[in-house]
Amino acid sequence: EDTVVLGYHCALVRPNLKIVESRYVFRALQSSSVAYQFHVRAKGV
């Protein structure tokens, strides 16, 4: 309820509630199948 702003090094995902359930998106992003995509797409040395 307070004014909390998301900081640097993070991304904000705001689901379209007409299409998806927020808790489902959260669990999907926790899954190994999605984590695999994040890891192979990560850039840097």
PDB file of all heavy atoms in Angstrom:
ATOM      1  N   GLU A   1       0.818  -1.214   0.000  1.00  0.00           N
ATOM      2  CA  GLU A   1       0.000   0.000   0.000  1.00  0.00           C
ATOM      3  C   GLU A   1       0.850   1.262   0.000  1.00  0.00           C
ATOM      4  O   GLU A   1       0.381   2.327  -0.380  1.00  0.00           O
ATOM      5  CB  GLU A   1      -0.924  -0.011   1.221  1.00  0.00           C
ATOM      6  CG  GLU A   1      -1.915  -1.175   1.206  1.00  0.00           C
ATOM      7  CD  GLU A   1      -2.750  -1.242   2.454  1.00  0.00           C
ATOM      8  OE1 GLU A   1      -2.580  -0.353   3.319  1.00  0.00           O
ATOM      9  OE2 GLU A   1      -3.571  -2.170   2.580  1.00  0.00           O
ATOM     10  N   ASP A   2       2.102   1.161   0.448  1.00  0.00           N
ATOM     11  CA  ASP A   2       2.967   2.336   0.477  1.00  0.00           C
ATOM     12  C   ASP A   2       3.513   2.644  -0.913  1.00  0.00           C
ATOM     13  O   ASP A   2       3.386   1.854  -1.844  1.00  0.00           O
ATOM     14  CB  ASP A   2       4.139   2.099   1.438  1.00  0.00           C
ATOM     15  CG  ASP A   2       3.667   1.914   2.876  1.00  0.00           C
ATOM     16  OD1 ASP A   2       2.697   2.587   3.261  1.00  0.00           O
ATOM     17  OD2 ASP A   2       4.261   1.088   3.588  1.00  0.00           O
ATOM     18  N   THR A   3       4.157   3.809  -1.043  1.00  0.00           N
ATOM     19  CA  THR A   3       4.789   4.178  -2.312  1.00  0.00           C
ATOM     20  C   THR A   3       6.150   3.505  -2.383  1.00  0.00           C
ATOM     21  O   THR A   3       7.146   3.991  -1.849  1.00  0.00           O
ATOM     22  CB  THR A   3       4.942   5.709  -2.421  1.00  0.00           C
ATOM     23  OG1 THR A   3       3.671   6.319  -2.265  1.00  0.00           O
ATOM     24  CG2 THR A   3       5.536   6.094  -3.775  1.00  0.00           C
ATOM     25  N   VAL A   4       6.166   2.342  -3.029  1.00  0.00           N
ATOM     26  CA  VAL A   4       7.390   1.559  -3.182  1.00  0.00           C
ATOM     27  C   VAL A   4       7.723   1.496  -4.661  1.00  0.00           C
ATOM     28  O   VAL A   4       6.892   1.093  -5.488  1.00  0.00           O
ATOM     29  CB  VAL A   4       7.252   0.137  -2.610  1.00  0.00           C
ATOM     30  CG1 VAL A   4       8.560  -0.633  -2.750  1.00  0.00           C
ATOM     31  CG2 VAL A   4       6.817   0.195  -1.149  1.00  0.00           C
ATOM     32  N   VAL A   5       8.950   1.918  -4.995  1.00  0.00           N
ATOM     33  CA  VAL A   5       9.399   1.968  -6.382  1.00  0.00           C
ATOM     34  C   VAL A   5      10.416   0.850  -6.612  1.00  0.00           C
ATOM     35  O   VAL A   5      11.274   0.599  -5.757  1.00  0.00           O
ATOM     36  CB  VAL A   5      10.017   3.347  -6.699  1.00  0.00           C
ATOM     37  CG1 VAL A   5      10.629   3.373  -8.092  1.00  0.00           C
ATOM     38  CG2 VAL A   5       8.943   4.433  -6.573  1.00  0.00           C
ATOM     39  N   LEU A   6      10.326   0.200  -7.756  1.00  0.00           N
ATOM     40  CA  LEU A   6      11.260  -0.871  -8.090  1.00  0.00           C
ATOM     41  C   LEU A   6      12.596  -0.291  -8.527  1.00  0.00           C
ATOM     42  O   LEU A   6      12.656   0.636  -9.335  1.00  0.00           O
ATOM     43  CB  LEU A   6      10.684  -1.745  -9.207  1.00  0.00           C
ATOM     44  CG  LEU A   6      11.528  -2.963  -9.601  1.00  0.00           C
ATOM     45  CD1 LEU A   6      11.657  -3.934  -8.431  1.00  0.00           C
ATOM     46  CD2 LEU A   6      10.923  -3.669 -10.805  1.00  0.00           C
ATOM     47  N   GLY A   7      13.677  -0.851  -7.996  1.00  0.00           N
ATOM     48  CA  GLY A   7      15.005  -0.317  -8.251  1.00  0.00           C
ATOM     49  C   GLY A   7      15.719  -0.926  -9.443  1.00  0.00           C
ATOM     50  O   GLY A   7      15.263  -1.888 -10.082  1.00  0.00           O
ATOM     51  N   TYR A   8      16.870  -0.347  -9.706  1.00  0.00           N
ATOM     52  CA  TYR A   8      17.767  -0.773 -10.770  1.00  0.00           C
ATOM     53  C   TYR A   8      18.140  -2.242 -10.588  1.00  0.00           C
ATOM     54  O   TYR A   8      18.072  -2.781  -9.500  1.00  0.00           O
ATOM     55  CB  TYR A   8      19.014   0.108 -10.711  1.00  0.00           C
ATOM     56  CG  TYR A   8      19.898   0.080 -11.929  1.00  0.00           C
ATOM     57  CD1 TYR A   8      19.445   0.542 -13.145  1.00  0.00           C
ATOM     58  CD2 TYR A   8      21.194  -0.391 -11.841  1.00  0.00           C
ATOM     59  CE1 TYR A   8      20.256   0.535 -14.254  1.00  0.00           C
ATOM     60  CE2 TYR A   8      22.019  -0.410 -12.943  1.00  0.00           C
ATOM     61  CZ  TYR A   8      21.545   0.052 -14.165  1.00  0.00           C
ATOM     62  OH  TYR A   8      22.350   0.027 -15.270  1.00  0.00           O
ATOM     63  N   HIS A   9      18.540  -2.911 -11.697  1.00  0.00           N
ATOM     64  CA  HIS A   9      18.876  -4.342 -11.732  1.00  0.00           C
ATOM     65  C   HIS A   9      17.638  -5.228 -11.694  1.00  0.00           C
ATOM     66  O   HIS A   9      17.758  -6.444 -11.579  1.00  0.00           O
ATOM     67  CB  HIS A   9      19.816  -4.764 -10.597  1.00  0.00           C
ATOM     68  CG  HIS A   9      21.092  -3.979 -10.526  1.00  0.00           C
ATOM     69  ND1 HIS A   9      21.944  -3.864 -11.601  1.00  0.00           N
ATOM     70  CD2 HIS A   9      21.656  -3.290  -9.514  1.00  0.00           C
ATOM     71  CE1 HIS A   9      22.987  -3.124 -11.257  1.00  0.00           C
ATOM     72  NE2 HIS A   9      22.829  -2.755  -9.998  1.00  0.00           N
ATOM     73  N   CYS A  10      16.437  -4.613 -11.773  1.00  0.00           N
ATOM     74  CA  CYS A  10      15.202  -5.396 -11.733  1.00  0.00           C
ATOM     75  C   CYS A  10      14.275  -4.985 -12.873  1.00  0.00           C
ATOM     76  O   CYS A  10      14.420  -3.911 -13.447  1.00  0.00           O
ATOM     77  CB  CYS A  10      14.477  -5.209 -10.400  1.00  0.00           C
ATOM     78  SG  CYS A  10      15.411  -5.758  -8.964  1.00  0.00           S
ATOM     79  N   ALA A  11      13.327  -5.867 -13.172  1.00  0.00           N
ATOM     80  CA  ALA A  11      12.306  -5.573 -14.176  1.00  0.00           C
ATOM     81  C   ALA A  11      10.930  -5.766 -13.555  1.00  0.00           C
ATOM     82  O   ALA A  11      10.736  -6.616 -12.677  1.00  0.00           O
ATOM     83  CB  ALA A  11      12.471  -6.483 -15.382  1.00  0.00           C
ATOM     84  N   LEU A  12       9.977  -4.962 -14.010  1.00  0.00           N
ATOM     85  CA  LEU A  12       8.604  -5.020 -13.525  1.00  0.00           C
ATOM     86  C   LEU A  12       7.726  -5.648 -14.599  1.00  0.00           C
ATOM     87  O   LEU A  12       7.702  -5.184 -15.748  1.00  0.00           O
ATOM     88  CB  LEU A  12       8.114  -3.616 -13.173  1.00  0.00           C
ATOM     89  CG  LEU A  12       6.763  -3.506 -12.451  1.00  0.00           C
ATOM     90  CD1 LEU A  12       6.735  -2.259 -11.574  1.00  0.00           C
ATOM     91  CD2 LEU A  12       5.603  -3.460 -13.440  1.00  0.00           C
ATOM     92  N   VAL A  13       7.025  -6.713 -14.234  1.00  0.00           N
ATOM     93  CA  VAL A  13       6.106  -7.405 -15.145  1.00  0.00           C
ATOM     94  C   VAL A  13       4.695  -7.203 -14.597  1.00  0.00           C
ATOM     95  O   VAL A  13       4.368  -7.696 -13.519  1.00  0.00           O
ATOM     96  CB  VAL A  13       6.435  -8.912 -15.225  1.00  0.00           C
ATOM     97  CG1 VAL A  13       5.451  -9.631 -16.143  1.00  0.00           C
ATOM     98  CG2 VAL A  13       7.875  -9.121 -15.690  1.00  0.00           C
ATOM     99  N   ARG A  14       3.860  -6.468 -15.350  1.00  0.00           N
ATOM    100  CA  ARG A  14       2.484  -6.204 -14.899  1.00  0.00           C
ATOM    101  C   ARG A  14       1.518  -6.953 -15.816  1.00  0.00           C
ATOM    102  O   ARG A  14       1.233  -6.530 -16.940  1.00  0.00           O
ATOM    103  CB  ARG A  14       2.202  -4.710 -14.908  1.00  0.00           C
ATOM    104  CG  ARG A  14       0.806  -4.331 -14.405  1.00  0.00           C
ATOM    105  CD  ARG A  14       0.764  -2.883 -13.974  1.00  0.00           C
ATOM    106  NE  ARG A  14       1.549  -2.650 -12.765  1.00  0.00           N
ATOM    107  CZ  ARG A  14       1.995  -1.447 -12.380  1.00  0.00           C
ATOM    108  NH1 ARG A  14       1.717  -0.373 -13.104  1.00  0.00           N
ATOM    109  NH2 ARG A  14       2.704  -1.339 -11.274  1.00  0.00           N
ATOM    110  N   PRO A  15       1.012  -8.107 -15.358  1.00  0.00           N
ATOM    111  CA  PRO A  15       0.162  -8.939 -16.214  1.00  0.00           C
ATOM    112  C   PRO A  15      -1.145  -8.256 -16.616  1.00  0.00           C
ATOM    113  O   PRO A  15      -1.710  -7.477 -15.843  1.00  0.00           O
ATOM    114  CB  PRO A  15      -0.114 -10.173 -15.348  1.00  0.00           C
ATOM    115  CG  PRO A  15       1.018 -10.203 -14.359  1.00  0.00           C
ATOM    116  CD  PRO A  15       1.316  -8.756 -14.072  1.00  0.00           C
ATOM    117  N   ASN A  16      -1.627  -8.558 -17.826  1.00  0.00           N
ATOM    118  CA  ASN A  16      -2.942  -8.135 -18.291  1.00  0.00           C
ATOM    119  C   ASN A  16      -3.962  -9.105 -17.697  1.00  0.00           C
ATOM    120  O   ASN A  16      -4.086 -10.246 -18.143  1.00  0.00           O
ATOM    121  CB  ASN A  16      -3.003  -8.176 -19.820  1.00  0.00           C
ATOM    122  CG  ASN A  16      -4.342  -7.740 -20.364  1.00  0.00           C
ATOM    123  OD1 ASN A  16      -5.344  -7.685 -19.641  1.00  0.00           O
ATOM    124  ND2 ASN A  16      -4.391  -7.441 -21.655  1.00  0.00           N
ATOM    125  N   LEU A  17      -4.675  -8.673 -16.673  1.00  0.00           N
ATOM    126  CA  LEU A  17      -5.520  -9.576 -15.895  1.00  0.00           C
ATOM    127  C   LEU A  17      -6.719 -10.111 -16.675  1.00  0.00           C
ATOM    128  O   LEU A  17      -7.383 -11.043 -16.229  1.00  0.00           O
ATOM    129  CB  LEU A  17      -5.984  -8.873 -14.619  1.00  0.00           C
ATOM    130  CG  LEU A  17      -4.864  -8.421 -13.675  1.00  0.00           C
ATOM    131  CD1 LEU A  17      -5.442  -7.797 -12.418  1.00  0.00           C
ATOM    132  CD2 LEU A  17      -3.944  -9.588 -13.310  1.00  0.00           C
ATOM    133  N   LYS A  18      -6.987  -9.540 -17.857  1.00  0.00           N
ATOM    134  CA  LYS A  18      -8.049 -10.080 -18.704  1.00  0.00           C
ATOM    135  C   LYS A  18      -7.599 -11.365 -19.397  1.00  0.00           C
ATOM    136  O   LYS A  18      -8.431 -12.144 -19.858  1.00  0.00           O
ATOM    137  CB  LYS A  18      -8.454  -9.053 -19.759  1.00  0.00           C
ATOM    138  CG  LYS A  18      -9.106  -7.802 -19.176  1.00  0.00           C
ATOM    139  CD  LYS A  18      -9.476  -6.822 -20.281  1.00  0.00           C
ATOM    140  CE  LYS A  18     -10.135  -5.558 -19.708  1.00  0.00           C
ATOM    141  NZ  LYS A  18     -10.470  -4.587 -20.780  1.00  0.00           N
ATOM    142  N   ILE A  19      -6.252 -11.542 -19.443  1.00  0.00           N
ATOM    143  CA  ILE A  19      -5.692 -12.685 -20.167  1.00  0.00           C
ATOM    144  C   ILE A  19      -5.048 -13.694 -19.226  1.00  0.00           C
ATOM    145  O   ILE A  19      -5.174 -14.902 -19.412  1.00  0.00           O
ATOM    146  CB  ILE A  19      -4.637 -12.215 -21.193  1.00  0.00           C
ATOM    147  CG1 ILE A  19      -5.243 -11.181 -22.142  1.00  0.00           C
ATOM    148  CG2 ILE A  19      -4.056 -13.400 -21.972  1.00  0.00           C
ATOM    149  CD1 ILE A  19      -4.207 -10.544 -23.051  1.00  0.00           C
ATOM    150  N   VAL A  20      -4.375 -13.181 -18.208  1.00  0.00           N
ATOM    151  CA  VAL A  20      -3.584 -14.062 -17.344  1.00  0.00           C
ATOM    152  C   VAL A  20      -3.811 -13.757 -15.864  1.00  0.00           C
ATOM    153  O   VAL A  20      -4.140 -12.629 -15.490  1.00  0.00           O
ATOM    154  CB  VAL A  20      -2.070 -13.943 -17.648  1.00  0.00           C
ATOM    155  CG1 VAL A  20      -1.716 -14.553 -18.980  1.00  0.00           C
ATOM    156  CG2 VAL A  20      -1.592 -12.509 -17.534  1.00  0.00           C
ATOM    157  N   GLU A  21      -3.614 -14.764 -15.056  1.00  0.00           N
ATOM    158  CA  GLU A  21      -3.621 -14.668 -13.608  1.00  0.00           C
ATOM    159  C   GLU A  21      -2.204 -14.353 -13.144  1.00  0.00           C
ATOM    160  O   GLU A  21      -1.249 -15.040 -13.525  1.00  0.00           O
ATOM    161  CB  GLU A  21      -4.108 -15.991 -13.011  1.00  0.00           C
ATOM    162  CG  GLU A  21      -3.757 -16.239 -11.567  1.00  0.00           C
ATOM    163  CD  GLU A  21      -4.530 -15.343 -10.622  1.00  0.00           C
ATOM    164  OE1 GLU A  21      -5.673 -14.948 -10.948  1.00  0.00           O
ATOM    165  OE2 GLU A  21      -3.990 -15.034  -9.547  1.00  0.00           O
ATOM    166  N   SER A  22      -2.045 -13.295 -12.351  1.00  0.00           N
ATOM    167  CA  SER A  22      -0.708 -12.870 -11.909  1.00  0.00           C
ATOM    168  C   SER A  22       0.066 -13.993 -11.241  1.00  0.00           C
ATOM    169  O   SER A  22       1.253 -14.199 -11.481  1.00  0.00           O
ATOM    170  CB  SER A  22      -0.824 -11.703 -10.923  1.00  0.00           C
ATOM    171  OG  SER A  22      -1.247 -10.533 -11.567  1.00  0.00           O
ATOM    172  N   ARG A  23      -0.625 -14.755 -10.376  1.00  0.00           N
ATOM    173  CA  ARG A  23       0.059 -15.822  -9.657  1.00  0.00           C
ATOM    174  C   ARG A  23       0.542 -16.909 -10.604  1.00  0.00           C
ATOM    175  O   ARG A  23       1.574 -17.539 -10.383  1.00  0.00           O
ATOM    176  CB  ARG A  23      -0.861 -16.412  -8.586  1.00  0.00           C
ATOM    177  CG  ARG A  23      -1.179 -15.456  -7.440  1.00  0.00           C
ATOM    178  CD  ARG A  23      -2.214 -16.083  -6.507  1.00  0.00           C
ATOM    179  NE  ARG A  23      -3.482 -16.315  -7.203  1.00  0.00           N
ATOM    180  CZ  ARG A  23      -4.457 -17.096  -6.735  1.00  0.00           C
ATOM    181  NH1 ARG A  23      -4.308 -17.729  -5.576  1.00  0.00           N
ATOM    182  NH2 ARG A  23      -5.582 -17.245  -7.416  1.00  0.00           N
ATOM    183  N   TYR A  24      -0.187 -17.125 -11.699  1.00  0.00           N
ATOM    184  CA  TYR A  24       0.262 -18.113 -12.684  1.00  0.00           C
ATOM    185  C   TYR A  24       1.509 -17.615 -13.412  1.00  0.00           C
ATOM    186  O   TYR A  24       2.465 -18.375 -13.608  1.00  0.00           O
ATOM    187  CB  TYR A  24      -0.840 -18.427 -13.702  1.00  0.00           C
ATOM    188  CG  TYR A  24      -0.338 -19.366 -14.776  1.00  0.00           C
ATOM    189  CD1 TYR A  24      -0.288 -20.738 -14.546  1.00  0.00           C
ATOM    190  CD2 TYR A  24       0.147 -18.879 -15.988  1.00  0.00           C
ATOM    191  CE1 TYR A  24       0.219 -21.606 -15.509  1.00  0.00           C
ATOM    192  CE2 TYR A  24       0.652 -19.735 -16.948  1.00  0.00           C
ATOM    193  CZ  TYR A  24       0.690 -21.092 -16.705  1.00  0.00           C
ATOM    194  OH  TYR A  24       1.214 -21.951 -17.654  1.00  0.00           O
ATOM    195  N   VAL A  25       1.519 -16.333 -13.796  1.00  0.00           N
ATOM    196  CA  VAL A  25       2.707 -15.772 -14.457  1.00  0.00           C
ATOM    197  C   VAL A  25       3.921 -15.907 -13.535  1.00  0.00           C
ATOM    198  O   VAL A  25       5.017 -16.295 -13.969  1.00  0.00           O
ATOM    199  CB  VAL A  25       2.470 -14.291 -14.836  1.00  0.00           C
ATOM    200  CG1 VAL A  25       3.757 -13.661 -15.371  1.00  0.00           C
ATOM    201  CG2 VAL A  25       1.357 -14.180 -15.867  1.00  0.00           C
ATOM    202  N   PHE A  26       3.728 -15.606 -12.272  1.00  0.00           N
ATOM    203  CA  PHE A  26       4.809 -15.739 -11.287  1.00  0.00           C
ATOM    204  C   PHE A  26       5.347 -17.165 -11.261  1.00  0.00           C
ATOM    205  O   PHE A  26       6.562 -17.391 -11.315  1.00  0.00           O
ATOM    206  CB  PHE A  26       4.280 -15.316  -9.918  1.00  0.00           C
ATOM    207  CG  PHE A  26       5.106 -15.751  -8.744  1.00  0.00           C
ATOM    208  CD1 PHE A  26       6.432 -15.356  -8.624  1.00  0.00           C
ATOM    209  CD2 PHE A  26       4.558 -16.562  -7.761  1.00  0.00           C
ATOM    210  CE1 PHE A  26       7.196 -15.751  -7.529  1.00  0.00           C
ATOM    211  CE2 PHE A  26       5.307 -16.957  -6.666  1.00  0.00           C
ATOM    212  CZ  PHE A  26       6.635 -16.557  -6.550  1.00  0.00           C
ATOM    213  N   ARG A  27       4.450 -18.156 -11.187  1.00  0.00           N
ATOM    214  CA  ARG A  27       4.896 -19.546 -11.139  1.00  0.00           C
ATOM    215  C   ARG A  27       5.539 -19.971 -12.463  1.00  0.00           C
ATOM    216  O   ARG A  27       6.526 -20.721 -12.473  1.00  0.00           O
ATOM    217  CB  ARG A  27       3.723 -20.471 -10.813  1.00  0.00           C
ATOM    218  CG  ARG A  27       3.122 -20.253  -9.443  1.00  0.00           C
ATOM    219  CD  ARG A  27       4.134 -20.439  -8.336  1.00  0.00           C
ATOM    220  NE  ARG A  27       3.514 -20.296  -7.009  1.00  0.00           N
ATOM    221  CZ  ARG A  27       4.179 -20.327  -5.867  1.00  0.00           C
ATOM    222  NH1 ARG A  27       5.497 -20.467  -5.876  1.00  0.00           N
ATOM    223  NH2 ARG A  27       3.549 -20.198  -4.715  1.00  0.00           N
ATOM    224  N   ALA A  28       5.014 -19.487 -13.573  1.00  0.00           N
ATOM    225  CA  ALA A  28       5.610 -19.814 -14.865  1.00  0.00           C
ATOM    226  C   ALA A  28       7.045 -19.289 -14.952  1.00  0.00           C
ATOM    227  O   ALA A  28       7.952 -19.967 -15.446  1.00  0.00           O
ATOM    228  CB  ALA A  28       4.761 -19.245 -16.002  1.00  0.00           C
ATOM    229  N   LEU A  29       7.249 -18.063 -14.419  1.00  0.00           N
ATOM    230  CA  LEU A  29       8.591 -17.478 -14.457  1.00  0.00           C
ATOM    231  C   LEU A  29       9.532 -18.154 -13.460  1.00  0.00           C
ATOM    232  O   LEU A  29      10.752 -18.018 -13.561  1.00  0.00           O
ATOM    233  CB  LEU A  29       8.513 -15.983 -14.170  1.00  0.00           C
ATOM    234  CG  LEU A  29       7.793 -15.150 -15.239  1.00  0.00           C
ATOM    235  CD1 LEU A  29       7.746 -13.680 -14.840  1.00  0.00           C
ATOM    236  CD2 LEU A  29       8.455 -15.298 -16.597  1.00  0.00           C
ATOM    237  N   GLN A  30       8.982 -18.884 -12.498  1.00  0.00           N
ATOM    238  CA  GLN A  30       9.804 -19.665 -11.576  1.00  0.00           C
ATOM    239  C   GLN A  30      10.215 -21.013 -12.155  1.00  0.00           C
ATOM    240  O   GLN A  30      11.130 -21.651 -11.637  1.00  0.00           O
ATOM    241  CB  GLN A  30       9.041 -19.934 -10.265  1.00  0.00           C
ATOM    242  CG  GLN A  30       9.027 -18.797  -9.267  1.00  0.00           C
ATOM    243  CD  GLN A  30       8.518 -19.272  -7.923  1.00  0.00           C
ATOM    244  OE1 GLN A  30       7.539 -20.011  -7.837  1.00  0.00           O
ATOM    245  NE2 GLN A  30       9.187 -18.859  -6.853  1.00  0.00           N
ATOM    246  N   SER A  31       9.550 -21.448 -13.198  1.00  0.00           N
ATOM    247  CA  SER A  31       9.760 -22.809 -13.688  1.00  0.00           C
ATOM    248  C   SER A  31      11.094 -22.950 -14.408  1.00  0.00           C
ATOM    249  O   SER A  31      11.654 -21.996 -14.944  1.00  0.00           O
ATOM    250  CB  SER A  31       8.625 -23.208 -14.639  1.00  0.00           C
ATOM    251  OG  SER A  31       8.729 -22.471 -15.853  1.00  0.00           O
ATOM    252  N   SER A  32      11.595 -24.174 -14.447  1.00  0.00           N
ATOM    253  CA  SER A  32      12.896 -24.434 -15.085  1.00  0.00           C
ATOM    254  C   SER A  32      12.860 -24.163 -16.580  1.00  0.00           C
ATOM    255  O   SER A  32      13.871 -23.773 -17.172  1.00  0.00           O
ATOM    256  CB  SER A  32      13.324 -25.884 -14.824  1.00  0.00           C
ATOM    257  OG  SER A  32      12.351 -26.795 -15.300  1.00  0.00           O
ATOM    258  N   SER A  33      11.682 -24.324 -17.218  1.00  0.00           N
ATOM    259  CA  SER A  33      11.593 -24.100 -18.658  1.00  0.00           C
ATOM    260  C   SER A  33      11.809 -22.631 -19.012  1.00  0.00           C
ATOM    261  O   SER A  33      12.483 -22.298 -19.989  1.00  0.00           O
ATOM    262  CB  SER A  33      10.240 -24.567 -19.192  1.00  0.00           C
ATOM    263  OG  SER A  33       9.188 -23.901 -18.534  1.00  0.00           O
ATOM    264  N   VAL A  34      11.274 -21.731 -18.182  1.00  0.00           N
ATOM    265  CA  VAL A  34      11.478 -20.301 -18.420  1.00  0.00           C
ATOM    266  C   VAL A  34      12.884 -19.905 -17.993  1.00  0.00           C
ATOM    267  O   VAL A  34      13.560 -19.133 -18.685  1.00  0.00           O
ATOM    268  CB  VAL A  34      10.421 -19.469 -17.674  1.00  0.00           C
ATOM    269  CG1 VAL A  34      10.732 -17.983 -17.790  1.00  0.00           C
ATOM    270  CG2 VAL A  34       9.041 -19.763 -18.234  1.00  0.00           C
ATOM    271  N   ALA A  35      13.342 -20.431 -16.862  1.00  0.00           N
ATOM    272  CA  ALA A  35      14.699 -20.124 -16.399  1.00  0.00           C
ATOM    273  C   ALA A  35      15.730 -20.488 -17.456  1.00  0.00           C
ATOM    274  O   ALA A  35      16.725 -19.777 -17.642  1.00  0.00           O
ATOM    275  CB  ALA A  35      14.983 -20.869 -15.093  1.00  0.00           C
ATOM    276  N   TYR A  36      15.486 -21.573 -18.181  1.00  0.00           N
ATOM    277  CA  TYR A  36      16.399 -21.976 -19.254  1.00  0.00           C
ATOM    278  C   TYR A  36      16.517 -20.871 -20.302  1.00  0.00           C
ATOM    279  O   TYR A  36      17.615 -20.543 -20.756  1.00  0.00           O
ATOM    280  CB  TYR A  36      15.892 -23.268 -19.901  1.00  0.00           C
ATOM    281  CG  TYR A  36      16.660 -23.675 -21.134  1.00  0.00           C
ATOM    282  CD1 TYR A  36      17.875 -24.343 -21.024  1.00  0.00           C
ATOM    283  CD2 TYR A  36      16.173 -23.378 -22.407  1.00  0.00           C
ATOM    284  CE1 TYR A  36      18.591 -24.705 -22.164  1.00  0.00           C
ATOM    285  CE2 TYR A  36      16.872 -23.743 -23.551  1.00  0.00           C
ATOM    286  CZ  TYR A  36      18.081 -24.401 -23.422  1.00  0.00           C
ATOM    287  OH  TYR A  36      18.782 -24.756 -24.551  1.00  0.00           O
ATOM    288  N   GLN A  37      15.396 -20.270 -20.656  1.00  0.00           N
ATOM    289  CA  GLN A  37      15.431 -19.189 -21.647  1.00  0.00           C
ATOM    290  C   GLN A  37      16.226 -17.991 -21.137  1.00  0.00           C
ATOM    291  O   GLN A  37      17.020 -17.392 -21.871  1.00  0.00           O
ATOM    292  CB  GLN A  37      14.007 -18.738 -21.983  1.00  0.00           C
ATOM    293  CG  GLN A  37      13.159 -19.801 -22.630  1.00  0.00           C
ATOM    294  CD  GLN A  37      11.738 -19.310 -22.827  1.00  0.00           C
ATOM    295  OE1 GLN A  37      11.447 -18.558 -23.764  1.00  0.00           O
ATOM    296  NE2 GLN A  37      10.844 -19.728 -21.943  1.00  0.00           N
ATOM    297  N   PHE A  38      16.000 -17.631 -19.885  1.00  0.00           N
ATOM    298  CA  PHE A  38      16.733 -16.507 -19.306  1.00  0.00           C
ATOM    299  C   PHE A  38      18.240 -16.762 -19.336  1.00  0.00           C
ATOM    300  O   PHE A  38      19.026 -15.887 -19.680  1.00  0.00           O
ATOM    301  CB  PHE A  38      16.286 -16.269 -17.858  1.00  0.00           C
ATOM    302  CG  PHE A  38      14.912 -15.683 -17.716  1.00  0.00           C
ATOM    303  CD1 PHE A  38      14.144 -15.940 -16.589  1.00  0.00           C
ATOM    304  CD2 PHE A  38      14.378 -14.862 -18.701  1.00  0.00           C
ATOM    305  CE1 PHE A  38      12.880 -15.389 -16.444  1.00  0.00           C
ATOM    306  CE2 PHE A  38      13.114 -14.312 -18.575  1.00  0.00           C
ATOM    307  CZ  PHE A  38      12.362 -14.577 -17.438  1.00  0.00           C
ATOM    308  N   HIS A  39      18.629 -17.963 -18.976  1.00  0.00           N
ATOM    309  CA  HIS A  39      20.054 -18.260 -18.867  1.00  0.00           C
ATOM    310  C   HIS A  39      20.752 -18.297 -20.229  1.00  0.00           C
ATOM    311  O   HIS A  39      21.865 -17.804 -20.372  1.00  0.00           O
ATOM    312  CB  HIS A  39      20.249 -19.579 -18.125  1.00  0.00           C
ATOM    313  CG  HIS A  39      19.742 -19.542 -16.709  1.00  0.00           C
ATOM    314  ND1 HIS A  39      19.440 -20.665 -15.984  1.00  0.00           N
ATOM    315  CD2 HIS A  39      19.458 -18.487 -15.895  1.00  0.00           C
ATOM    316  CE1 HIS A  39      19.009 -20.315 -14.783  1.00  0.00           C
ATOM    317  NE2 HIS A  39      19.003 -19.009 -14.705  1.00  0.00           N
ATOM    318  N   VAL A  40      20.092 -18.846 -21.255  1.00  0.00           N
ATOM    319  CA  VAL A  40      20.737 -18.901 -22.568  1.00  0.00           C
ATOM    320  C   VAL A  40      20.721 -17.545 -23.263  1.00  0.00           C
ATOM    321  O   VAL A  40      21.542 -17.289 -24.151  1.00  0.00           O
ATOM    322  CB  VAL A  40      20.090 -19.972 -23.481  1.00  0.00           C
ATOM    323  CG1 VAL A  40      20.261 -21.353 -22.889  1.00  0.00           C
ATOM    324  CG2 VAL A  40      18.626 -19.662 -23.762  1.00  0.00           C
ATOM    325  N   ARG A  41      19.825 -16.665 -22.856  1.00  0.00           N
ATOM    326  CA  ARG A  41      19.744 -15.353 -23.479  1.00  0.00           C
ATOM    327  C   ARG A  41      20.557 -14.286 -22.744  1.00  0.00           C
ATOM    328  O   ARG A  41      20.692 -13.165 -23.241  1.00  0.00           O
ATOM    329  CB  ARG A  41      18.287 -14.892 -23.536  1.00  0.00           C
ATOM    330  CG  ARG A  41      17.421 -15.702 -24.474  1.00  0.00           C
ATOM    331  CD  ARG A  41      15.986 -15.255 -24.388  1.00  0.00           C
ATOM    332  NE  ARG A  41      15.189 -15.840 -25.450  1.00  0.00           N
ATOM    333  CZ  ARG A  41      14.057 -15.318 -25.897  1.00  0.00           C
ATOM    334  NH1 ARG A  41      13.594 -14.206 -25.367  1.00  0.00           N
ATOM    335  NH2 ARG A  41      13.388 -15.906 -26.862  1.00  0.00           N
ATOM    336  N   ALA A  42      21.068 -14.613 -21.589  1.00  0.00           N
ATOM    337  CA  ALA A  42      21.841 -13.640 -20.810  1.00  0.00           C
ATOM    338  C   ALA A  42      23.100 -13.238 -21.566  1.00  0.00           C
ATOM    339  O   ALA A  42      23.789 -14.070 -22.150  1.00  0.00           O
ATOM    340  CB  ALA A  42      22.208 -14.237 -19.457  1.00  0.00           C
ATOM    341  N   LYS A  43      23.400 -11.963 -21.547  1.00  0.00           N
ATOM    342  CA  LYS A  43      24.578 -11.420 -22.215  1.00  0.00           C
ATOM    343  C   LYS A  43      25.581 -10.931 -21.180  1.00  0.00           C
ATOM    344  O   LYS A  43      25.216 -10.442 -20.119  1.00  0.00           O
ATOM    345  CB  LYS A  43      24.187 -10.246 -23.124  1.00  0.00           C
ATOM    346  CG  LYS A  43      23.110 -10.568 -24.149  1.00  0.00           C
ATOM    347  CD  LYS A  43      23.597 -11.552 -25.193  1.00  0.00           C
ATOM    348  CE  LYS A  43      22.522 -11.769 -26.277  1.00  0.00           C
ATOM    349  NZ  LYS A  43      22.945 -12.782 -27.263  1.00  0.00           N
ATOM    350  N   GLY A  44      26.858 -11.030 -21.512  1.00  0.00           N
ATOM    351  CA  GLY A  44      27.875 -10.483 -20.634  1.00  0.00           C
ATOM    352  C   GLY A  44      29.053 -11.412 -20.465  1.00  0.00           C
ATOM    353  O   GLY A  44      29.038 -12.570 -20.901  1.00  0.00           O
ATOM    354  N   VAL A  45      30.097 -10.877 -19.797  1.00  0.00           N
ATOM    355  CA  VAL A  45      31.312 -11.642 -19.537  1.00  0.00           C
ATOM    356  C   VAL A  45      31.538 -11.739 -18.026  1.00  0.00           C
ATOM    357  O   VAL A  45      31.493 -12.814 -17.436  1.00  0.00           O
ATOM    358  CB  VAL A  45      32.527 -11.000 -20.222  1.00  0.00           C
ATOM    359  CG1 VAL A  45      33.786 -11.790 -19.906  1.00  0.00           C
ATOM    360  CG2 VAL A  45      32.314 -10.926 -21.738  1.00  0.00           C
TER     361      VAL A  45
END
